[in-house]
């Protein structure tokens, strides 16, 4: 999920393990732990010359269980050593290790619920775990939790109200996450029934919520020659996905000819299109994410401009053409309110 959410969850983990002993320092260190896995964005740009390799490095090994274990052991040893030199409060190495492990591991664990997903089991498997039940940014998950963390900071480390507000924060966020999972089950059934009602032949489908909310959902189904996309708001009067649009499987570049395109196809779970824009410039659309304009197949929220370079593909930097963001959010808000 977004950086703020990971900071909040990491801080809560730090408080749960060592808040009673070191107070707000536990919140700070937990927040740092919750941020560390996303540093792979900078590591990838530093290590790789190819932008596709750098992009795919994100939510890779630094989001894996093994990384959380190894990093927690190393950071646990370092903080234990440094703390014992400067503080009279005794904290065991085991406690330090638990603080780092929980703040590190809950980061990729939370990412598993988002459409982007994460490779939790690297290096043993590159399977991307993505439950698709909550958006990458969802204020209803983050803001109540953040408020509880701010309140915790106002109390002395020995005050029992810190534990009370910590439990409230974990409780509210966990209940909301369970509600999004319930929504996901309902949405999947609704999308499947909608496709069946229209006699659309498909062999797999995927659904996910729109950004910032869990009311508006997007669905995509794959047939032999086309994809079928539609959206649905929980506030719609009919429990069916409306305005199903057919998209051709446009593949102006083939994955068997470019290993980089094969990687991108894996990243998109096979839901993608490639359109030739002009000589040696192509647009790659990740169709797991909605189109801003259903009449324009190249208006995907997640798209890349690709070009051939030394028998490989790379990404040409470009500014996303979303139009005015205010208009985009206005359109989304209107659709959330239902049809």
Protein backbone atom coordinates (compact mmCIF):
# COMPACT_ATOMS: atom_id res chain seq x y z
CA UNK A 1 0.00 0.00 0.00
CA UNK A 2 1.04 3.65 0.09
CA UNK A 3 4.00 4.83 2.18
CA UNK A 4 1.89 6.54 4.85
CA UNK A 5 -0.08 3.37 5.54
CA UNK A 6 3.10 1.31 5.81
CA UNK A 7 4.60 3.86 8.20
CA UNK A 8 1.48 3.73 10.39
CA UNK A 9 1.37 -0.08 10.48
CA UNK A 10 5.11 -0.31 11.14
CA UNK A 11 4.83 2.21 13.98
CA UNK A 12 1.98 0.18 15.50
CA UNK A 13 4.15 -2.95 15.40
CA UNK A 14 6.99 -1.10 17.12
CA UNK A 15 4.60 0.10 19.82
CA UNK A 16 3.22 -3.41 20.33
CA UNK A 17 6.68 -4.87 20.97
CA UNK A 18 8.60 -2.14 22.80
CA UNK A 19 6.31 0.83 23.43
CA UNK A 20 6.16 0.03 27.15
CA UNK A 21 9.95 0.15 27.43
CA UNK A 22 11.17 2.84 25.05
CA UNK A 23 7.98 4.82 24.34
CA UNK A 24 7.78 6.86 21.15
CA UNK A 25 11.17 5.59 20.01
CA UNK A 26 9.42 2.27 19.35
CA UNK A 27 6.93 4.07 17.12
CA UNK A 28 9.76 5.75 15.23
CA UNK A 29 11.80 2.57 14.72
CA UNK A 30 8.71 0.63 13.72
CA UNK A 31 7.87 3.32 11.16
CA UNK A 32 11.40 3.01 9.76
CA UNK A 33 11.01 -0.76 9.56
CA UNK A 34 7.71 -0.34 7.76
CA UNK A 35 9.42 1.86 5.17
CA UNK A 36 12.50 -0.24 4.44
CA UNK A 37 10.97 -2.73 1.92
CA UNK A 38 9.90 0.13 -0.38
CA UNK A 39 13.51 1.29 -0.63
CA UNK A 40 13.75 -1.32 -3.39
CA UNK A 41 12.43 1.42 -5.69
CA UNK A 42 15.69 3.33 -5.23
CA UNK A 43 17.85 0.19 -5.15
CA UNK A 44 16.36 -0.94 -8.47
CA UNK A 45 17.10 2.39 -10.16
CA UNK A 46 20.65 2.28 -8.81
CA UNK A 47 21.38 -1.34 -9.78
CA UNK A 48 19.65 -1.69 -13.16
CA UNK A 49 20.21 0.26 -16.37
CA UNK A 50 16.97 -1.06 -17.86
CA UNK A 51 13.81 0.59 -16.51
CA UNK A 52 11.74 -2.58 -16.89
CA UNK A 53 14.19 -4.50 -14.71
CA UNK A 54 14.12 -1.69 -12.15
CA UNK A 55 10.31 -1.62 -12.10
CA UNK A 56 10.01 -5.39 -11.67
CA UNK A 57 12.56 -5.33 -8.84
CA UNK A 58 9.99 -3.41 -6.78
CA UNK A 59 7.99 -5.71 -4.52
CA UNK A 60 10.52 -8.43 -5.24
CA UNK A 61 13.08 -9.85 -2.82
CA UNK A 62 12.96 -6.88 -0.43
CA UNK A 63 9.27 -7.71 0.05
CA UNK A 64 9.89 -11.42 0.64
CA UNK A 65 9.57 -13.31 3.93
CA UNK A 66 13.24 -14.31 3.77
CA UNK A 67 14.35 -10.68 3.51
CA UNK A 68 12.23 -9.76 6.55
CA UNK A 69 13.91 -12.52 8.57
CA UNK A 70 17.47 -11.70 7.51
CA UNK A 71 17.04 -7.93 7.88
CA UNK A 72 15.37 -8.35 11.28
CA UNK A 73 18.26 -10.47 12.57
CA UNK A 74 20.83 -7.91 11.36
CA UNK A 75 18.95 -4.83 12.57
CA UNK A 76 18.09 -6.56 15.85
CA UNK A 77 21.76 -7.16 16.55
CA UNK A 78 22.75 -3.60 15.62
CA UNK A 79 20.06 -1.86 17.68
CA UNK A 80 20.63 -4.17 20.65
CA UNK A 81 24.33 -3.34 20.67
CA UNK A 82 23.84 0.42 20.26
CA UNK A 83 21.02 0.64 22.80
CA UNK A 84 22.92 -1.20 25.52
CA UNK A 85 25.78 1.27 25.23
CA UNK A 86 23.59 4.33 25.78
CA UNK A 87 20.55 3.29 27.83
CA UNK A 88 19.91 1.94 31.31
CA UNK A 89 16.68 0.29 30.14
CA UNK A 90 17.40 -3.32 29.25
CA UNK A 91 15.91 -4.61 26.01
CA UNK A 92 16.75 -8.13 24.87
CA UNK A 93 18.08 -8.86 21.41
CA UNK A 94 15.00 -11.05 20.88
CA UNK A 95 12.71 -8.08 21.52
CA UNK A 96 14.65 -5.89 19.11
CA UNK A 97 14.51 -8.64 16.48
CA UNK A 98 10.75 -9.00 16.92
CA UNK A 99 10.25 -5.25 16.53
CA UNK A 100 12.12 -5.25 13.23
CA UNK A 101 10.60 -8.47 11.94
CA UNK A 102 7.00 -7.43 12.59
CA UNK A 103 7.46 -3.95 11.13
CA UNK A 104 9.27 -5.36 8.09
CA UNK A 105 7.03 -8.37 7.44
CA UNK A 106 3.68 -6.64 7.88
CA UNK A 107 4.66 -4.36 4.98
CA UNK A 108 4.64 -7.07 2.25
CA UNK A 109 1.82 -8.85 4.05
CA UNK A 110 -0.35 -5.75 3.68
CA UNK A 111 0.75 -5.38 0.05
CA UNK A 112 -0.61 -8.87 -0.65
CA UNK A 113 -4.15 -7.52 -0.32
CA UNK A 114 -3.63 -4.96 -3.11
CA UNK A 115 -3.92 -5.47 -6.90
CA UNK A 116 -0.20 -4.82 -7.37
CA UNK A 117 0.66 -7.75 -5.10
CA UNK A 118 4.08 -8.87 -3.94
CA UNK A 119 6.49 -11.78 -4.43
CA UNK A 120 6.29 -13.03 -0.88
CA UNK A 121 8.13 -16.33 -1.39
CA UNK A 122 11.25 -15.26 -3.27
CA UNK A 123 13.79 -16.71 -3.95
CA UNK A 124 11.92 -20.04 -3.80
CA UNK A 125 8.99 -18.92 -5.96
CA UNK A 126 8.24 -15.80 -7.99
CA UNK A 127 4.49 -16.22 -7.50
CA UNK A 128 2.94 -12.78 -7.01
CA UNK A 129 0.41 -12.84 -4.16
CA UNK A 130 -2.37 -10.35 -4.93
CA UNK A 131 -5.79 -10.73 -3.33
CA UNK A 132 -7.15 -7.55 -4.99
CA UNK A 133 -9.52 -6.64 -2.18
CA UNK A 134 -8.24 -3.18 -1.24
CA UNK A 135 -6.82 -0.27 -3.25
CA UNK A 136 -3.18 0.74 -2.94
CA UNK A 137 -4.45 3.94 -1.29
CA UNK A 138 -7.56 3.67 0.90
CA UNK A 139 -8.13 6.48 3.45
CA UNK A 140 -10.73 4.48 5.37
CA UNK A 141 -8.05 1.97 6.29
CA UNK A 142 -5.27 4.47 6.95
CA UNK A 143 -6.73 7.59 8.59
CA UNK A 144 -8.43 6.02 11.67
CA UNK A 145 -5.26 4.00 12.30
CA UNK A 146 -3.12 7.14 11.92
CA UNK A 147 -5.32 9.04 14.39
CA UNK A 148 -4.86 6.28 16.97
CA UNK A 149 -1.06 6.39 16.54
CA UNK A 150 -1.06 10.19 17.02
CA UNK A 151 -3.10 9.81 20.22
CA UNK A 152 -0.68 7.14 21.49
CA UNK A 153 2.22 9.58 21.11
CA UNK A 154 0.53 11.95 23.59
CA UNK A 155 0.76 9.53 26.53
CA UNK A 156 3.70 8.50 28.69
CA UNK A 157 5.17 5.11 27.77
CA UNK A 158 3.86 3.51 30.99
CA UNK A 159 0.30 4.78 30.55
CA UNK A 160 -2.14 1.93 29.86
CA UNK A 161 -4.09 4.17 27.47
CA UNK A 162 -1.32 3.61 24.90
CA UNK A 163 -2.26 -0.08 24.72
CA UNK A 164 -5.97 0.79 24.57
CA UNK A 165 -5.54 3.08 21.56
CA UNK A 166 -3.17 0.63 19.91
CA UNK A 167 -5.83 -2.07 20.16
CA UNK A 168 -8.45 0.33 18.80
CA UNK A 169 -6.22 1.12 15.81
CA UNK A 170 -5.51 -2.52 15.06
CA UNK A 171 -9.16 -3.39 15.62
CA UNK A 172 -10.65 -0.76 13.29
CA UNK A 173 -8.16 -1.45 10.50
CA UNK A 174 -8.58 -5.22 10.79
CA UNK A 175 -12.38 -5.03 10.73
CA UNK A 176 -12.25 -2.80 7.67
CA UNK A 177 -9.88 -5.23 5.94
CA UNK A 178 -12.29 -8.09 6.64
CA UNK A 179 -15.13 -6.02 5.16
CA UNK A 180 -13.11 -5.49 1.96
CA UNK A 181 -12.54 -9.24 1.72
CA UNK A 182 -16.29 -9.79 2.06
CA UNK A 183 -16.84 -7.17 -0.66
CA UNK A 184 -14.36 -9.03 -2.87
CA UNK A 185 -16.33 -12.29 -2.61
CA UNK A 186 -19.59 -10.49 -3.41
CA UNK A 187 -18.03 -8.56 -6.31
CA UNK A 188 -16.55 -11.71 -7.87
CA UNK A 189 -19.96 -13.42 -7.81
CA UNK A 190 -21.64 -10.31 -9.23
CA UNK A 191 -19.13 -9.98 -12.07
CA UNK A 192 -19.39 -13.66 -12.95
CA UNK A 193 -23.20 -13.49 -12.99
CA UNK A 194 -23.08 -10.32 -15.10
CA UNK A 195 -20.90 -12.01 -17.73
CA UNK A 196 -23.09 -15.12 -17.76
CA UNK A 197 -26.24 -13.02 -18.20
CA UNK A 198 -24.69 -11.45 -21.31
CA UNK A 199 -23.59 -14.87 -22.67
CA UNK A 200 -19.99 -13.67 -22.81
CA UNK A 201 -17.56 -16.54 -23.29
CA UNK A 202 -14.50 -16.18 -21.10
CA UNK A 203 -12.12 -18.45 -19.27
CA UNK A 204 -10.88 -16.24 -16.43
CA UNK A 205 -11.56 -12.89 -14.83
CA UNK A 206 -10.22 -10.45 -12.24
CA UNK A 207 -11.78 -7.71 -10.10
CA UNK A 208 -10.34 -4.92 -8.00
CA UNK A 209 -11.49 -1.72 -6.25
CA UNK A 210 -10.88 1.74 -7.65
CA UNK A 211 -8.32 3.98 -5.96
CA UNK A 212 -9.24 5.68 -2.65
CA UNK A 213 -12.35 3.59 -1.94
CA UNK A 214 -13.93 0.14 -1.72
CA UNK A 215 -17.30 1.03 -3.23
CA UNK A 216 -16.41 1.29 -6.93
CA UNK A 217 -15.01 -1.88 -8.53
CA UNK A 218 -13.48 -2.71 -11.89
CA UNK A 219 -13.68 -6.10 -13.60
CA UNK A 220 -11.88 -7.63 -16.57
CA UNK A 221 -12.57 -11.00 -18.19
CA UNK A 222 -10.44 -12.74 -20.82
CA UNK A 223 -11.83 -14.55 -23.84
CA UNK A 224 -10.02 -16.12 -26.78
CA UNK A 225 -9.64 -12.94 -28.82
CA UNK A 226 -10.89 -10.14 -26.55
CA UNK A 227 -11.01 -8.76 -23.05
CA UNK A 228 -14.27 -7.55 -21.51
CA UNK A 229 -14.18 -4.71 -19.00
CA UNK A 230 -16.87 -3.15 -16.83
CA UNK A 231 -17.38 -1.38 -13.50
CA UNK A 232 -19.81 -1.60 -10.63
CA UNK A 233 -20.58 0.49 -7.58
CA UNK A 234 -22.00 -1.02 -4.43
CA UNK A 235 -24.48 1.88 -4.60
CA UNK A 236 -25.82 0.84 -8.03
CA UNK A 237 -29.52 0.00 -8.00
CA UNK A 238 -28.90 -3.24 -9.91
CA UNK A 239 -26.46 -5.82 -8.63
CA UNK A 240 -24.80 -6.20 -12.02
CA UNK A 241 -21.71 -4.79 -13.73
CA UNK A 242 -22.93 -2.28 -16.29
CA UNK A 243 -21.72 -1.07 -19.68
CA UNK A 244 -19.50 -4.03 -20.52
CA UNK A 245 -16.93 -3.00 -23.17
CA UNK A 246 -15.07 -5.40 -25.45
CA UNK A 247 -11.36 -4.76 -26.02
CA UNK A 248 -9.40 -6.63 -28.70
CA UNK A 249 -6.27 -8.50 -27.66
CA UNK A 250 -3.96 -6.07 -29.38
CA UNK A 251 -0.38 -7.37 -29.43
CA UNK A 252 1.75 -5.29 -31.78
CA UNK A 253 4.74 -6.81 -30.02
CA UNK A 254 4.87 -10.51 -29.14
CA UNK A 255 6.30 -11.80 -25.85
CA UNK A 256 8.05 -14.71 -27.58
CA UNK A 257 10.19 -12.14 -29.42
CA UNK A 258 11.16 -10.07 -26.38
CA UNK A 259 11.98 -11.43 -22.95
CA UNK A 260 11.19 -8.02 -21.46
CA UNK A 261 7.64 -8.17 -22.80
CA UNK A 262 7.31 -11.67 -21.39
CA UNK A 263 8.30 -10.25 -17.98
CA UNK A 264 5.74 -7.46 -18.29
CA UNK A 265 3.05 -9.95 -19.33
CA UNK A 266 3.84 -11.99 -16.21
CA UNK A 267 3.70 -8.83 -14.11
CA UNK A 268 0.23 -8.01 -15.53
CA UNK A 269 -0.93 -11.60 -15.05
CA UNK A 270 -1.60 -11.77 -18.80
CA UNK A 271 -4.06 -8.85 -18.84
CA UNK A 272 -2.33 -6.45 -21.23
CA UNK A 273 -2.27 -4.91 -24.69
CA UNK A 274 0.49 -3.41 -26.84
CA UNK A 275 -0.21 -0.75 -29.47
CA UNK A 276 2.30 0.63 -31.96
CA UNK A 277 2.31 4.43 -31.72
CA UNK A 278 4.98 5.14 -34.33
CA UNK A 279 8.27 3.71 -35.52
CA UNK A 280 10.06 2.04 -32.58
CA UNK A 281 7.57 3.37 -30.03
CA UNK A 282 4.85 1.23 -28.46
CA UNK A 283 2.38 1.66 -25.64
CA UNK A 284 2.02 -1.14 -23.14
CA UNK A 285 -1.27 -1.11 -21.19
CA UNK A 286 -1.69 -3.08 -17.97
CA UNK A 287 -5.39 -3.91 -18.23
CA UNK A 288 -5.70 -5.03 -14.62
CA UNK A 289 -6.24 -1.32 -14.06
CA UNK A 290 -9.20 0.60 -15.57
CA UNK A 291 -9.34 2.80 -18.63
CA UNK A 292 -9.97 6.48 -18.09
CA UNK A 293 -11.90 6.55 -21.37
CA UNK A 294 -13.54 3.29 -22.49
CA UNK A 295 -13.55 4.62 -26.07
CA UNK A 296 -9.75 4.91 -26.01
CA UNK A 297 -7.96 1.56 -25.46
CA UNK A 298 -4.72 3.46 -24.77
CA UNK A 299 -6.16 5.38 -21.80
CA UNK A 300 -5.12 2.75 -19.27
CA UNK A 301 -4.27 4.13 -15.84
CA UNK A 302 -1.12 1.97 -15.87
CA UNK A 303 0.76 2.27 -19.16
CA UNK A 304 4.35 2.36 -20.38
CA UNK A 305 5.95 3.76 -23.52
CA UNK A 306 8.29 1.06 -24.83
CA UNK A 307 11.07 1.23 -27.42
CA UNK A 308 13.59 -1.27 -28.78
CA UNK A 309 17.13 -0.84 -27.53
CA UNK A 310 20.00 -3.27 -28.16
CA UNK A 311 17.71 -6.28 -28.74
CA UNK A 312 15.78 -5.41 -25.59
CA UNK A 313 12.84 -3.22 -24.66
CA UNK A 314 13.13 -0.23 -22.37
CA UNK A 315 10.79 2.45 -21.07
CA UNK A 316 10.75 5.95 -22.49
CA UNK A 317 10.00 8.54 -19.79
CA UNK A 318 6.68 10.24 -20.41
CA UNK A 319 4.12 12.21 -18.45
CA UNK A 320 0.80 10.42 -17.88
CA UNK A 321 -2.05 12.02 -19.84
CA UNK A 322 -4.84 11.93 -17.32
CA UNK A 323 -6.28 15.32 -18.11
CA UNK A 324 -7.16 17.46 -15.12
CA UNK A 325 -7.04 15.35 -11.96
CA UNK A 326 -10.00 17.27 -10.58
CA UNK A 327 -12.11 16.14 -13.54
CA UNK A 328 -10.92 12.54 -13.12
CA UNK A 329 -11.89 12.46 -9.44
CA UNK A 330 -15.19 14.18 -10.19
CA UNK A 331 -16.05 11.50 -12.75
CA UNK A 332 -15.06 8.77 -10.31
CA UNK A 333 -17.14 10.33 -7.52
CA UNK A 334 -20.19 10.50 -9.77
CA UNK A 335 -19.75 6.82 -10.65
CA UNK A 336 -19.25 5.84 -6.99
CA UNK A 337 -22.64 7.33 -6.15
CA UNK A 338 -24.22 4.70 -8.33
CA UNK A 339 -26.41 4.24 -11.36
